[in-house]
């Protein structure tokens, strides 16, 4: 009889622990992850920042130039490639009304354009490391998993959608340039939830300290 009671107690304890891990704990994680994103993004308009390029505030009005040579596909920071990307981004954002664009001359047969921020562009600009345009607020939908495979770390996986998404980022020519933000197309178009993750370190007493959140991402 005592053995049976002991088995029942063990089973009850196991079910309680399973409930804490899969039910209430996931709810707590959802609340925590939402709070962490909102702390990182108090205005609700800075979940993700897309880098235009290393053009700083005091460099405007900015006139483009051309760097000649062959693109080395093995070199991610190829100066020729980065120059072409910058010129392309300025042109695309100008078409969306974030920059003015003025033809000021030619370099041989290549046009030289001068760019300056519009009032609309200044609503979204951020100057960390150059010119970035920021937008959006993460809204957590549900926690889908917990990963403790890395020693001393925990990864909480969840799904979310973005609110406060401006029309300019819905231009495929723009969002397709940015590969460093997983699910950017889904996030800006809002067609279905996006998978995200928060990374934590685990202290000796089991407390979690945030290492990296979804909000506050700067994408090249």
Protein backbone atom coordinates (compact mmCIF):
# COMPACT_ATOMS: atom_id res chain seq x y z
CA UNK A 1 0.00 0.00 0.00
CA UNK A 2 2.80 2.40 0.94
CA UNK A 3 4.52 1.60 -2.34
CA UNK A 4 1.37 2.45 -4.29
CA UNK A 5 0.97 5.77 -2.41
CA UNK A 6 4.62 6.59 -3.12
CA UNK A 7 4.10 5.89 -6.83
CA UNK A 8 1.04 8.15 -6.87
CA UNK A 9 2.98 10.95 -5.16
CA UNK A 10 5.86 10.62 -7.64
CA UNK A 11 3.45 10.60 -10.56
CA UNK A 12 1.63 13.62 -9.16
CA UNK A 13 4.89 15.52 -8.73
CA UNK A 14 5.95 14.65 -12.28
CA UNK A 15 2.66 15.89 -13.71
CA UNK A 16 2.95 19.09 -11.69
CA UNK A 17 6.46 19.74 -13.04
CA UNK A 18 5.30 19.01 -16.58
CA UNK A 19 2.42 21.45 -16.12
CA UNK A 20 4.80 24.14 -14.90
CA UNK A 21 7.12 23.62 -17.86
CA UNK A 22 4.50 23.48 -20.58
CA UNK A 23 1.62 25.58 -19.30
CA UNK A 24 2.14 28.36 -16.78
CA UNK A 25 5.83 28.62 -17.58
CA UNK A 26 5.12 29.26 -21.26
CA UNK A 27 2.58 31.91 -20.29
CA UNK A 28 5.17 33.54 -18.05
CA UNK A 29 7.72 33.42 -20.87
CA UNK A 30 5.25 35.11 -23.23
CA UNK A 31 4.69 37.94 -20.74
CA UNK A 32 8.41 38.28 -20.10
CA UNK A 33 9.36 38.30 -23.79
CA UNK A 34 6.74 40.93 -24.58
CA UNK A 35 7.98 43.10 -21.72
CA UNK A 36 11.61 42.75 -22.81
CA UNK A 37 10.76 43.79 -26.37
CA UNK A 38 8.81 46.79 -25.13
CA UNK A 39 11.66 47.84 -22.83
CA UNK A 40 14.08 47.63 -25.77
CA UNK A 41 11.60 49.50 -27.97
CA UNK A 42 9.68 51.97 -25.75
CA UNK A 43 8.35 54.04 -28.68
CA UNK A 44 6.97 50.99 -30.47
CA UNK A 45 8.69 52.13 -33.67
CA UNK A 46 12.15 50.63 -33.40
CA UNK A 47 11.85 46.87 -33.49
CA UNK A 48 14.12 46.66 -36.53
CA UNK A 49 16.45 49.22 -38.12
CA UNK A 50 17.55 48.79 -41.73
CA UNK A 51 20.96 50.19 -42.60
CA UNK A 52 21.11 52.48 -45.61
CA UNK A 53 24.85 52.93 -45.29
CA UNK A 54 27.69 54.67 -43.47
CA UNK A 55 26.38 58.14 -44.23
CA UNK A 56 26.32 60.18 -41.03
CA UNK A 57 24.07 63.09 -40.13
CA UNK A 58 26.69 65.76 -40.84
CA UNK A 59 27.32 64.31 -44.34
CA UNK A 60 23.95 65.45 -45.72
CA UNK A 61 23.23 66.62 -48.34
CA UNK A 62 25.10 63.58 -49.65
CA UNK A 63 26.28 63.22 -53.25
CA UNK A 64 26.92 59.69 -54.47
CA UNK A 65 30.17 58.56 -56.06
CA UNK A 66 31.25 55.42 -57.87
CA UNK A 67 33.90 52.90 -56.85
CA UNK A 68 35.23 51.01 -59.85
CA UNK A 69 36.56 47.48 -60.08
CA UNK A 70 35.39 43.91 -60.01
CA UNK A 71 33.23 42.51 -57.23
CA UNK A 72 34.90 39.69 -55.32
CA UNK A 73 32.12 37.21 -54.42
CA UNK A 74 34.24 35.81 -51.58
CA UNK A 75 34.61 39.19 -49.87
CA UNK A 76 31.43 40.27 -48.03
CA UNK A 77 32.79 43.78 -47.44
CA UNK A 78 33.94 44.39 -51.01
CA UNK A 79 34.12 48.19 -51.44
CA UNK A 80 32.71 48.05 -54.95
CA UNK A 81 29.76 45.95 -53.83
CA UNK A 82 29.05 48.16 -50.83
CA UNK A 83 29.19 51.31 -52.96
CA UNK A 84 26.68 49.86 -55.40
CA UNK A 85 24.40 48.79 -52.56
CA UNK A 86 24.52 52.23 -50.97
CA UNK A 87 23.69 54.00 -54.23
CA UNK A 88 20.85 51.56 -54.87
CA UNK A 89 19.39 51.96 -51.38
CA UNK A 90 19.47 55.76 -51.58
CA UNK A 91 17.61 55.58 -54.89
CA UNK A 92 14.99 53.13 -53.60
CA UNK A 93 14.33 55.05 -50.38
CA UNK A 94 14.05 58.27 -52.41
CA UNK A 95 11.29 56.65 -54.48
CA UNK A 96 9.45 55.98 -51.21
CA UNK A 97 9.74 59.62 -50.15
CA UNK A 98 12.38 59.29 -47.43
CA UNK A 99 15.01 61.22 -49.41
CA UNK A 100 14.98 64.00 -51.95
CA UNK A 101 16.93 63.13 -55.09
CA UNK A 102 18.61 65.79 -57.26
CA UNK A 103 20.74 65.27 -60.36
CA UNK A 104 23.83 67.45 -59.86
CA UNK A 105 26.19 66.28 -62.62
CA UNK A 106 27.88 63.29 -64.17
CA UNK A 107 30.98 61.18 -63.63
CA UNK A 108 31.71 60.33 -67.25
CA UNK A 109 28.44 58.84 -68.43
CA UNK A 110 27.23 58.04 -64.91
CA UNK A 111 24.75 60.36 -63.19
CA UNK A 112 25.60 61.94 -59.85
CA UNK A 113 22.67 62.34 -57.48
CA UNK A 114 22.48 64.37 -54.29
CA UNK A 115 20.27 63.09 -51.46
CA UNK A 116 18.81 64.73 -48.40
CA UNK A 117 16.35 63.51 -45.79
CA UNK A 118 12.73 64.57 -46.17
CA UNK A 119 10.46 65.28 -43.20
CA UNK A 120 9.04 61.79 -43.72
CA UNK A 121 12.53 60.27 -43.63
CA UNK A 122 13.34 62.06 -40.38
CA UNK A 123 10.40 60.28 -38.71
CA UNK A 124 12.22 56.96 -39.09
CA UNK A 125 15.92 57.83 -39.13
CA UNK A 126 18.39 56.52 -36.56
CA UNK A 127 22.08 57.49 -36.62
CA UNK A 128 23.75 54.46 -35.02
CA UNK A 129 26.72 53.66 -37.27
CA UNK A 130 25.36 55.75 -40.15
CA UNK A 131 21.88 56.14 -41.63
CA UNK A 132 19.25 53.60 -40.59
CA UNK A 133 15.48 53.60 -40.99
CA UNK A 134 13.58 52.01 -38.10
CA UNK A 135 10.04 50.81 -37.62
CA UNK A 136 7.71 48.33 -35.92
CA UNK A 137 6.75 46.79 -32.61
CA UNK A 138 6.99 43.08 -31.82
CA UNK A 139 3.70 41.57 -30.62
CA UNK A 140 4.27 38.10 -29.18
CA UNK A 141 1.64 35.53 -30.16
CA UNK A 142 2.77 32.37 -28.39
CA UNK A 143 5.83 30.56 -27.03
CA UNK A 144 6.53 27.39 -28.99
CA UNK A 145 9.63 25.90 -27.40
CA UNK A 146 12.51 26.01 -24.93
CA UNK A 147 16.03 24.97 -25.93
CA UNK A 148 18.67 24.30 -23.25
CA UNK A 149 21.18 22.54 -25.46
CA UNK A 150 23.88 25.17 -24.98
CA UNK A 151 25.49 24.86 -21.55
CA UNK A 152 24.56 27.78 -19.33
CA UNK A 153 22.15 29.22 -21.87
CA UNK A 154 18.46 28.99 -22.69
CA UNK A 155 16.74 29.92 -25.93
CA UNK A 156 13.02 30.67 -25.84
CA UNK A 157 11.37 30.27 -29.24
CA UNK A 158 8.14 32.09 -30.03
CA UNK A 159 5.98 33.43 -32.84
CA UNK A 160 5.09 37.09 -33.29
CA UNK A 161 3.82 39.70 -35.71
CA UNK A 162 4.85 43.33 -36.22
CA UNK A 163 2.63 46.34 -35.76
CA UNK A 164 3.41 49.94 -36.79
CA UNK A 165 4.77 48.83 -40.17
CA UNK A 166 5.05 51.74 -42.68
CA UNK A 167 4.23 51.37 -46.36
CA UNK A 168 7.77 52.09 -47.57
CA UNK A 169 9.18 48.83 -46.20
CA UNK A 170 6.51 46.83 -48.05
CA UNK A 171 8.38 47.57 -51.28
CA UNK A 172 9.87 44.21 -52.29
CA UNK A 173 12.89 45.92 -53.88
CA UNK A 174 13.76 47.25 -50.41
CA UNK A 175 13.03 44.38 -48.03
CA UNK A 176 14.61 41.81 -50.34
CA UNK A 177 17.98 43.57 -49.90
CA UNK A 178 18.10 42.67 -46.20
CA UNK A 179 18.93 39.04 -45.50
CA UNK A 180 20.06 39.36 -41.88
CA UNK A 181 16.57 39.49 -40.36
CA UNK A 182 14.86 36.12 -40.45
CA UNK A 183 11.32 36.39 -41.75
CA UNK A 184 11.49 40.08 -42.68
CA UNK A 185 9.18 39.63 -45.68
CA UNK A 186 6.57 37.81 -43.60
CA UNK A 187 6.91 40.37 -40.80
CA UNK A 188 6.39 43.44 -42.97
CA UNK A 189 3.62 41.95 -45.11
CA UNK A 190 1.84 40.51 -42.07
CA UNK A 191 0.61 37.46 -43.92
CA UNK A 192 1.48 34.97 -41.17
CA UNK A 193 3.34 34.84 -37.84
CA UNK A 194 7.13 34.96 -37.78
CA UNK A 195 9.41 32.79 -35.65
CA UNK A 196 11.65 34.62 -33.17
CA UNK A 197 13.91 33.77 -30.25
CA UNK A 198 15.28 35.32 -27.08
CA UNK A 199 18.63 34.13 -25.73
CA UNK A 200 19.37 34.01 -21.99
CA UNK A 201 22.25 33.06 -19.74
CA UNK A 202 21.35 30.88 -16.75
CA UNK A 203 22.90 31.78 -13.39
CA UNK A 204 23.81 29.23 -10.73
CA UNK A 205 20.51 29.88 -8.93
CA UNK A 206 18.49 29.37 -12.12
CA UNK A 207 17.74 33.01 -12.90
CA UNK A 208 17.70 34.08 -16.54
CA UNK A 209 19.53 37.13 -17.88
CA UNK A 210 18.66 38.36 -21.35
CA UNK A 211 21.50 38.19 -23.88
CA UNK A 212 19.67 39.07 -27.09
CA UNK A 213 16.10 40.19 -27.79
CA UNK A 214 14.14 40.33 -31.04
CA UNK A 215 13.63 44.11 -30.87
CA UNK A 216 16.53 46.47 -31.46
CA UNK A 217 17.99 44.63 -34.45
CA UNK A 218 20.20 46.58 -36.85
CA UNK A 219 20.32 44.92 -40.28
CA UNK A 220 22.94 45.72 -42.91
